[in-house]
Amino acid sequence: MISVAKQLQNMIQTLRKPSWIKAKIPAGSNYIRLKNLMRSLNLHTVCEEAQCPNVGECWGAGTLTFMILGATCTRSCGFCAVKTGKPGDIDWNEPERVARAVKELKIHAAYLTHVVITSVNRDDKNYESALIFAETVRKVRKYNPEITIEVLIPDFKGDIKALKEVLDAEPDVLNHNIETVPRLYYLPVQTVSGLRRSVRPQARYEWSLRVLEHGKELGHQGLLTKSGIMVGLGEEIEEIIETLWDLKNAGCDVVTIGQYLRPSLDQLPVVRYYHPVEFESLKKYGETIIGIPHIEAGPLVRSSYHAEKQVMKLGGNFI
């Protein structure tokens, strides 16, 4: 008898991307300028490391996401394309290099209005990671006071002391992705390549909510808090709604909802593709019924997608 998991796996393998899943080929003078400068400065962007489909559009619009703390993650999230392994030493000079990179990008006529700073997880050095985040924010602001700064942080395993270090640097936006509904965090699924993986095996849903709640409570006045959800991993609509309520109760100002796209055969399979109308319905329900101030929802929406527009819409006190 074929197991339910095997039946599901056979069905998943037949899925094809629908016509509305189409990313623009990266192009344009600003995109090319940013790409060349990032290579020359030996810096990482999550846009490239995580194979984001919106890299051309975001870079063209002046939003760039730096990935600090190296390119090797201590976690093995089943959806992510970033390499898992043992990271190297903390680079305490990285904040200075990132800040000078932003300044150099501006000098070279690259159009930049909003910078997102994210990282791999460094569960081996959570507090030190927070210090690097904080110093990067301070350095970027010192050299580029006109640019707004968003941090997309890990959960620091629930360490509020580490979170407070980041908040004390006063980023304009504190972003932490809850990623999926709690039922799917540890649910094992077999990948096409034969691996057994789950969405967030080393995380806890409660840690993520705590980051967002304390961010709103302990952050400076005017701080925007933000989170993101991927859909298409096997969740039910009712579970998405419950998660949106959790994010509302945690004080989130912005939520992004996007279609999960498998980076390779080693990552979790796509269970379902959501239609653009469904994304619009989730946005409308989340904003009008649940009361989240802004939801960015669509097939290709990712954490940093239209980030600069969200700041302009909701963050008038510091624009």
Protein backbone atom coordinates (compact mmCIF):
# COMPACT_ATOMS: atom_id res chain seq x y z
CA MET A 1 0.00 0.00 0.00
CA ILE A 2 1.38 3.41 -0.97
CA SER A 3 1.71 5.73 2.02
CA VAL A 4 -0.11 9.05 2.15
CA ALA A 5 3.27 10.84 2.14
CA LYS A 6 4.32 8.97 -1.03
CA GLN A 7 1.02 9.72 -2.74
CA LEU A 8 1.44 13.39 -1.90
CA GLN A 9 5.01 13.31 -3.14
CA ASN A 10 3.92 11.82 -6.48
CA MET A 11 1.29 14.52 -6.86
CA ILE A 12 3.73 17.29 -5.94
CA GLN A 13 6.24 16.20 -8.56
CA THR A 14 3.67 16.81 -11.31
CA LEU A 15 3.10 20.46 -10.36
CA ARG A 16 4.16 23.00 -12.94
CA LYS A 17 4.60 26.70 -12.42
CA PRO A 18 1.50 28.58 -13.56
CA SER A 19 1.64 31.38 -16.10
CA TRP A 20 1.55 34.14 -13.48
CA ILE A 21 4.85 33.01 -11.89
CA LYS A 22 7.13 35.05 -14.10
CA ALA A 23 9.99 37.16 -12.81
CA LYS A 24 11.55 39.83 -14.95
CA ILE A 25 15.07 39.15 -16.15
CA PRO A 26 17.40 41.41 -14.13
CA ALA A 27 18.48 44.34 -16.24
CA GLY A 28 18.92 48.08 -16.27
CA SER A 29 21.80 50.44 -15.55
CA ASN A 30 21.20 50.63 -11.79
CA TYR A 31 21.04 46.84 -11.47
CA ILE A 32 24.27 46.36 -13.41
CA ARG A 33 26.02 49.12 -11.45
CA LEU A 34 25.00 47.62 -8.10
CA LYS A 35 26.00 44.10 -9.13
CA ASN A 36 29.45 45.14 -10.30
CA LEU A 37 30.13 47.21 -7.20
CA MET A 38 29.00 44.45 -4.82
CA ARG A 39 31.40 42.03 -6.50
CA SER A 40 34.28 44.50 -6.33
CA LEU A 41 33.62 45.11 -2.62
CA ASN A 42 33.36 41.37 -1.83
CA LEU A 43 29.99 41.71 -0.09
CA HIS A 44 27.03 39.35 0.00
CA THR A 45 23.39 40.09 -0.75
CA VAL A 46 20.51 37.83 0.22
CA CYS A 47 18.98 38.83 -3.11
CA GLU A 48 21.57 36.65 -4.83
CA GLU A 49 22.35 34.04 -2.17
CA ALA A 50 18.65 33.14 -1.70
CA GLN A 51 17.93 33.37 -5.46
CA CYS A 52 15.24 36.01 -5.05
CA PRO A 53 13.10 36.43 -8.21
CA ASN A 54 12.80 40.18 -7.68
CA VAL A 55 16.47 41.13 -7.64
CA GLY A 56 16.26 43.13 -10.86
CA GLU A 57 13.16 45.06 -9.85
CA CYS A 58 14.31 45.83 -6.30
CA TRP A 59 17.82 46.89 -7.30
CA GLY A 60 16.36 49.00 -10.05
CA ALA A 61 14.06 50.68 -7.51
CA GLY A 62 16.92 51.49 -5.14
CA THR A 63 16.47 48.80 -2.48
CA LEU A 64 19.43 46.58 -1.66
CA THR A 65 19.58 43.77 0.92
CA PHE A 66 23.01 43.14 2.44
CA MET A 67 23.61 39.75 4.07
CA ILE A 68 26.05 40.07 6.95
CA LEU A 69 27.76 37.49 9.17
CA GLY A 70 28.96 35.45 6.22
CA ALA A 71 27.24 33.20 3.71
CA THR A 72 27.01 30.01 5.80
CA CYS A 73 24.04 29.42 8.10
CA THR A 74 23.91 27.26 11.24
CA ARG A 75 20.29 26.26 10.51
CA SER A 76 18.87 23.96 7.87
CA CYS A 77 15.48 25.46 6.99
CA GLY A 78 13.88 23.28 4.33
CA PHE A 79 12.87 26.15 2.05
CA CYS A 80 16.14 28.06 1.97
CA ALA A 81 18.90 28.05 -0.65
CA VAL A 82 21.56 29.54 1.65
CA LYS A 83 24.36 27.08 2.50
CA THR A 84 24.22 25.27 5.85
CA GLY A 85 27.40 24.48 7.75
CA LYS A 86 29.91 25.70 10.30
CA PRO A 87 30.45 29.47 9.85
CA GLY A 88 33.76 31.20 10.18
CA ASP A 89 34.77 33.78 12.76
CA ILE A 90 32.73 36.94 13.29
CA ASP A 91 34.08 39.75 11.11
CA TRP A 92 34.05 42.76 13.43
CA ASN A 93 35.10 45.04 10.56
CA GLU A 94 32.04 44.13 8.49
CA PRO A 95 29.82 47.01 9.72
CA GLU A 96 32.41 49.52 8.52
CA ARG A 97 32.71 47.79 5.15
CA VAL A 98 28.96 47.68 4.63
CA ALA A 99 28.58 51.36 5.53
CA ARG A 100 31.41 52.38 3.23
CA ALA A 101 29.94 50.17 0.51
CA VAL A 102 26.63 52.04 0.72
CA LYS A 103 28.50 55.32 0.57
CA GLU A 104 30.57 54.15 -2.39
CA LEU A 105 27.46 52.99 -4.18
CA LYS A 106 26.04 56.47 -3.77
CA ILE A 107 29.29 58.06 -4.96
CA HIS A 108 29.17 55.90 -8.08
CA ALA A 109 25.71 57.25 -8.84
CA ALA A 110 23.83 54.11 -7.82
CA TYR A 111 20.28 54.97 -6.85
CA LEU A 112 19.72 53.90 -3.22
CA THR A 113 16.95 55.08 -0.89
CA HIS A 114 16.44 52.15 1.46
CA VAL A 115 18.87 49.52 2.71
CA VAL A 116 17.87 46.18 4.21
CA ILE A 117 20.40 44.41 6.42
CA THR A 118 19.85 40.72 7.03
CA SER A 119 22.03 37.77 7.98
CA VAL A 120 22.40 34.06 8.18
CA ASN A 121 21.56 32.49 11.53
CA ARG A 122 24.54 32.29 13.85
CA ASP A 123 23.23 30.16 16.69
CA ASP A 124 26.83 29.68 17.77
CA LYS A 125 27.13 33.43 18.43
CA ASN A 126 23.68 34.96 18.85
CA TYR A 127 24.64 37.89 21.08
CA GLU A 128 27.71 38.73 18.99
CA SER A 129 25.49 38.65 15.90
CA ALA A 130 23.21 41.23 17.48
CA LEU A 131 26.19 43.47 18.19
CA ILE A 132 27.22 43.27 14.52
CA PHE A 133 23.67 44.17 13.44
CA ALA A 134 23.62 47.17 15.77
CA GLU A 135 27.01 48.45 14.72
CA THR A 136 26.12 48.03 11.04
CA VAL A 137 23.00 50.16 11.50
CA ARG A 138 25.00 52.87 13.29
CA LYS A 139 27.78 52.89 10.70
CA VAL A 140 25.43 52.95 7.70
CA ARG A 141 23.50 55.85 9.24
CA LYS A 142 26.73 57.72 10.06
CA TYR A 143 27.92 57.67 6.45
CA ASN A 144 24.48 57.80 4.80
CA PRO A 145 22.04 59.74 7.01
CA GLU A 146 19.54 60.17 4.17
CA ILE A 147 18.97 56.43 3.70
CA THR A 148 16.34 54.54 5.69
CA ILE A 149 17.48 51.28 7.28
CA GLU A 150 15.58 48.04 7.74
CA VAL A 151 16.96 45.05 9.64
CA LEU A 152 15.70 41.57 8.84
CA ILE A 153 16.91 39.70 11.89
CA PRO A 154 17.01 36.09 13.11
CA ASP A 155 15.17 35.10 16.29
CA PHE A 156 18.39 34.99 18.38
CA LYS A 157 16.81 31.87 19.97
CA GLY A 158 14.53 34.15 21.96
CA ASP A 159 17.37 36.12 23.60
CA ILE A 160 15.80 39.48 24.47
CA LYS A 161 19.17 40.92 25.52
CA ALA A 162 20.45 40.34 21.98
CA LEU A 163 17.31 41.87 20.48
CA LYS A 164 17.69 44.93 22.70
CA GLU A 165 21.16 45.56 21.27
CA VAL A 166 19.65 45.80 17.79
CA LEU A 167 16.76 47.99 18.94
CA ASP A 168 19.12 50.41 20.70
CA ALA A 169 20.69 51.19 17.31
CA GLU A 170 17.26 52.51 16.21
CA PRO A 171 16.69 50.98 12.79
CA ASP A 172 13.72 52.41 10.93
CA VAL A 173 12.16 48.99 10.39
CA LEU A 174 12.52 45.80 12.45
CA ASN A 175 11.67 42.78 10.29
CA HIS A 176 11.56 39.16 11.39
CA ASN A 177 9.88 36.50 9.28
CA ILE A 178 7.57 33.97 10.91
CA GLU A 179 7.80 32.12 7.55
CA THR A 180 4.88 29.67 7.85
CA VAL A 181 2.08 28.40 10.08
CA PRO A 182 3.12 26.68 13.32
CA ARG A 183 1.91 23.20 12.26
CA LEU A 184 4.48 23.06 9.46
CA TYR A 185 7.55 24.13 11.44
CA TYR A 186 8.70 20.57 12.21
CA LEU A 187 6.58 18.45 9.87
CA PRO A 188 9.00 16.15 7.97
CA VAL A 189 8.57 16.02 4.20
CA GLN A 190 10.64 14.12 1.67
CA THR A 191 12.27 16.21 -1.04
CA VAL A 192 12.55 15.08 -4.65
CA SER A 193 16.25 14.37 -4.03
CA GLY A 194 15.33 12.00 -1.18
CA LEU A 195 16.10 14.18 1.85
CA ARG A 196 13.69 14.47 4.77
CA ARG A 197 13.34 18.12 5.72
CA SER A 198 10.99 20.49 7.52
CA VAL A 199 10.37 24.22 7.19
CA ARG A 200 12.03 25.54 10.37
CA PRO A 201 13.50 22.61 12.34
CA GLN A 202 15.66 24.71 14.69
CA ALA A 203 13.20 27.56 15.24
CA ARG A 204 10.18 28.07 17.46
CA TYR A 205 7.01 29.89 16.50
CA GLU A 206 6.93 31.44 19.98
CA TRP A 207 10.44 32.84 19.58
CA SER A 208 9.41 34.64 16.42
CA LEU A 209 6.30 36.14 17.99
CA ARG A 210 8.38 37.22 20.98
CA VAL A 211 10.86 39.05 18.72
CA LEU A 212 8.02 41.01 17.13
CA GLU A 213 6.21 41.74 20.39
CA HIS A 214 9.31 42.95 22.19
CA GLY A 215 10.41 44.87 19.13
CA LYS A 216 7.26 46.94 19.34
CA GLU A 217 7.45 47.28 23.13
CA LEU A 218 11.15 48.08 23.46
CA GLY A 219 11.84 49.85 20.16
CA HIS A 220 11.97 53.60 19.65
CA GLN A 221 8.83 55.60 18.93
CA GLY A 222 7.99 55.31 15.24
CA LEU A 223 9.70 51.96 14.72
CA LEU A 224 7.89 49.89 12.11
CA THR A 225 7.69 46.15 12.77
CA LYS A 226 7.30 43.68 9.96
CA SER A 227 7.05 39.96 9.24
CA GLY A 228 6.54 37.61 6.31
CA ILE A 229 4.77 34.39 5.40
CA MET A 230 5.38 31.95 2.53
CA VAL A 231 2.38 30.06 1.17
CA GLY A 232 2.28 26.87 -0.86
CA LEU A 233 4.00 24.59 1.66
CA GLY A 234 0.85 22.72 2.65
CA GLU A 235 -0.88 25.16 4.97
CA GLU A 236 -4.64 25.70 5.08
CA ILE A 237 -6.24 29.11 4.53
CA GLU A 238 -7.61 29.01 8.09
CA GLU A 239 -4.06 28.55 9.39
CA ILE A 240 -2.85 31.56 7.41
CA ILE A 241 -5.64 33.65 8.93
CA GLU A 242 -4.73 32.48 12.44
CA THR A 243 -1.09 33.39 11.81
CA LEU A 244 -2.11 36.84 10.56
CA TRP A 245 -4.07 37.34 13.78
CA ASP A 246 -0.97 36.34 15.76
CA LEU A 247 1.10 38.89 13.84
CA LYS A 248 -1.53 41.58 14.40
CA ASN A 249 -1.55 40.84 18.13
CA ALA A 250 2.26 41.03 18.13
CA GLY A 251 1.98 44.60 16.80
CA CYS A 252 3.10 44.08 13.19
CA ASP A 253 2.72 47.13 10.95
CA VAL A 254 3.65 45.33 7.73
CA VAL A 255 3.23 41.72 6.61
CA THR A 256 4.47 40.24 3.35
CA ILE A 257 2.79 37.16 1.84
CA GLY A 258 4.42 35.44 -1.11
CA GLN A 259 4.41 32.17 -3.01
CA TYR A 260 7.01 29.63 -1.95
CA LEU A 261 9.19 28.62 -4.91
CA ARG A 262 11.53 25.67 -4.52
CA PRO A 263 15.15 26.75 -5.14
CA SER A 264 16.36 23.23 -5.99
CA LEU A 265 15.42 19.55 -5.68
CA ASP A 266 17.04 19.51 -2.22
CA GLN A 267 14.46 21.93 -0.81
CA LEU A 268 10.84 21.29 0.15
CA PRO A 269 8.42 20.75 -2.71
CA VAL A 270 5.67 23.20 -3.62
CA VAL A 271 2.32 21.76 -2.52
CA ARG A 272 0.14 24.40 -4.17
CA TYR A 273 0.41 27.55 -6.27
CA TYR A 274 -1.87 30.34 -5.12
CA HIS A 275 -3.68 32.45 -7.72
CA PRO A 276 -3.12 36.24 -7.70
CA VAL A 277 -6.78 36.68 -6.72
CA GLU A 278 -6.14 34.62 -3.57
CA PHE A 279 -3.25 36.89 -2.64
CA GLU A 280 -5.47 39.92 -3.12
CA SER A 281 -8.13 38.32 -0.92
CA LEU A 282 -5.59 37.64 1.84
CA LYS A 283 -4.38 41.24 1.63
CA LYS A 284 -7.92 42.62 1.84
CA TYR A 285 -8.91 40.36 4.72
CA GLY A 286 -5.73 41.06 6.65
CA GLU A 287 -6.01 44.81 6.30
CA THR A 288 -9.76 45.36 6.63
CA ILE A 289 -10.86 42.55 8.96
CA ILE A 290 -7.77 41.80 11.03
CA GLY A 291 -6.49 45.37 10.95
CA ILE A 292 -2.85 45.01 9.91
CA PRO A 293 -1.86 48.47 8.55
CA HIS A 294 -0.20 47.18 5.37
CA ILE A 295 0.02 43.81 3.67
CA GLU A 296 2.15 43.25 0.58
CA ALA A 297 0.81 40.10 -1.06
CA GLY A 298 1.48 38.48 -4.42
CA PRO A 299 3.09 35.46 -6.08
CA LEU A 300 6.58 36.97 -6.20
CA VAL A 301 6.43 39.05 -3.01
CA ARG A 302 9.42 38.57 -0.72
CA SER A 303 10.53 40.23 2.54
CA SER A 304 12.21 43.21 0.92
CA TYR A 305 9.77 43.60 -1.96
CA HIS A 306 8.59 47.24 -2.18
CA ALA A 307 10.25 47.82 1.19
CA GLU A 308 11.01 51.44 0.32
CA LYS A 309 7.34 52.09 -0.53
CA GLN A 310 6.19 50.59 2.78
CA VAL A 311 8.45 52.98 4.66
CA MET A 312 7.14 55.93 2.68
CA LYS A 313 3.53 54.88 3.32
CA LEU A 314 3.74 54.14 7.04
CA GLY A 315 6.86 55.85 8.29
CA GLY A 316 6.11 59.51 7.69
CA ASN A 317 7.54 60.49 11.04
CA PHE A 318 11.10 59.87 9.84
CA ILE A 319 10.86 60.48 6.09
